[in-house]
Amino acid sequence: MLALIRFRIFSLSNLLPQNIKIKVYITVIFPVVLNACETWSLTLRGELRLMVFENRVLRKIFMPKREQVTEE
């Protein structure tokens, strides 16, 4: 639970640029999610869940700020 809270703080933080967040995602978060994946029997449901997770993370990283949305 604590890791989820820290990830939310990390992904919503304005202090880090997006390229740093992407690098952290690729080097830290994604390998942890795929830990021991060679022993999984990947089903269609599991593949869809991984895609949903990845899309959520990327959406949080690239989420537009309210000011950006209202200016357009």
Protein backbone atom coordinates (compact mmCIF):
# COMPACT_ATOMS: atom_id res chain seq x y z
CA MET A 1 0.00 0.00 0.00
CA LEU A 2 2.83 2.35 0.84
CA ALA A 3 4.43 1.75 -2.55
CA LEU A 4 1.19 2.70 -4.29
CA ILE A 5 0.98 5.96 -2.35
CA ARG A 6 4.60 6.78 -3.15
CA PHE A 7 4.02 6.01 -6.83
CA ARG A 8 1.04 8.37 -6.92
CA ILE A 9 3.09 11.13 -5.32
CA PHE A 10 5.90 10.46 -7.81
CA SER A 11 3.65 10.41 -10.87
CA LEU A 12 1.72 13.54 -9.90
CA SER A 13 4.76 15.55 -8.85
CA ASN A 14 5.51 18.67 -10.87
CA LEU A 15 9.11 18.75 -9.67
CA LEU A 16 10.32 16.01 -12.01
CA PRO A 17 10.22 16.37 -15.79
CA GLN A 18 8.34 13.80 -17.84
CA ASN A 19 11.46 12.31 -19.40
CA ILE A 20 12.83 11.43 -15.93
CA LYS A 21 9.50 9.86 -14.97
CA ILE A 22 9.56 7.73 -18.13
CA LYS A 23 13.12 6.59 -17.40
CA VAL A 24 12.16 5.63 -13.85
CA TYR A 25 9.16 3.74 -15.16
CA ILE A 26 11.23 1.81 -17.70
CA THR A 27 14.15 1.02 -15.37
CA VAL A 28 12.41 0.46 -12.02
CA ILE A 29 8.64 0.01 -12.15
CA PHE A 30 8.18 -2.16 -15.24
CA PRO A 31 10.88 -4.73 -14.30
CA VAL A 32 9.31 -5.09 -10.84
CA VAL A 33 5.93 -5.77 -12.43
CA LEU A 34 7.45 -8.34 -14.77
CA ASN A 35 9.47 -10.03 -12.03
CA ALA A 36 9.64 -13.80 -12.68
CA CYS A 37 7.47 -13.48 -15.79
CA GLU A 38 9.26 -16.39 -17.43
CA THR A 39 7.32 -18.70 -15.08
CA TRP A 40 3.91 -17.23 -15.92
CA SER A 41 1.50 -18.83 -18.30
CA LEU A 42 0.37 -15.62 -19.95
CA THR A 43 -3.28 -15.68 -20.85
CA LEU A 44 -5.23 -13.10 -22.77
CA ARG A 45 -6.63 -11.76 -19.50
CA GLY A 46 -3.14 -11.37 -18.04
CA GLU A 47 -1.90 -9.62 -21.16
CA LEU A 48 -4.84 -7.21 -21.05
CA ARG A 49 -4.17 -6.48 -17.37
CA LEU A 50 -0.54 -5.65 -18.14
CA MET A 51 -1.64 -3.33 -20.94
CA VAL A 52 -4.15 -1.62 -18.63
CA PHE A 53 -1.44 -1.13 -16.00
CA GLU A 54 0.96 0.36 -18.53
CA ASN A 55 -1.68 2.69 -19.93
CA ARG A 56 -2.61 3.88 -16.42
CA VAL A 57 0.99 4.65 -15.55
CA LEU A 58 1.60 6.52 -18.79
CA ARG A 59 -1.67 8.41 -18.45
CA LYS A 60 -0.64 9.56 -14.96
CA ILE A 61 2.76 10.67 -16.23
CA PHE A 62 1.43 12.54 -19.27
CA MET A 63 -1.75 13.80 -17.63
CA PRO A 64 -2.42 17.39 -18.71
CA LYS A 65 -2.66 19.97 -15.98
CA ARG A 66 -5.94 21.80 -15.48
CA GLU A 67 -4.44 25.08 -16.65
CA GLN A 68 -3.30 23.46 -19.91
CA VAL A 69 -6.76 22.06 -20.59
CA THR A 70 -8.60 25.33 -19.96
CA GLU A 71 -6.21 27.43 -22.07
CA GLU A 72 -6.96 25.47 -25.23
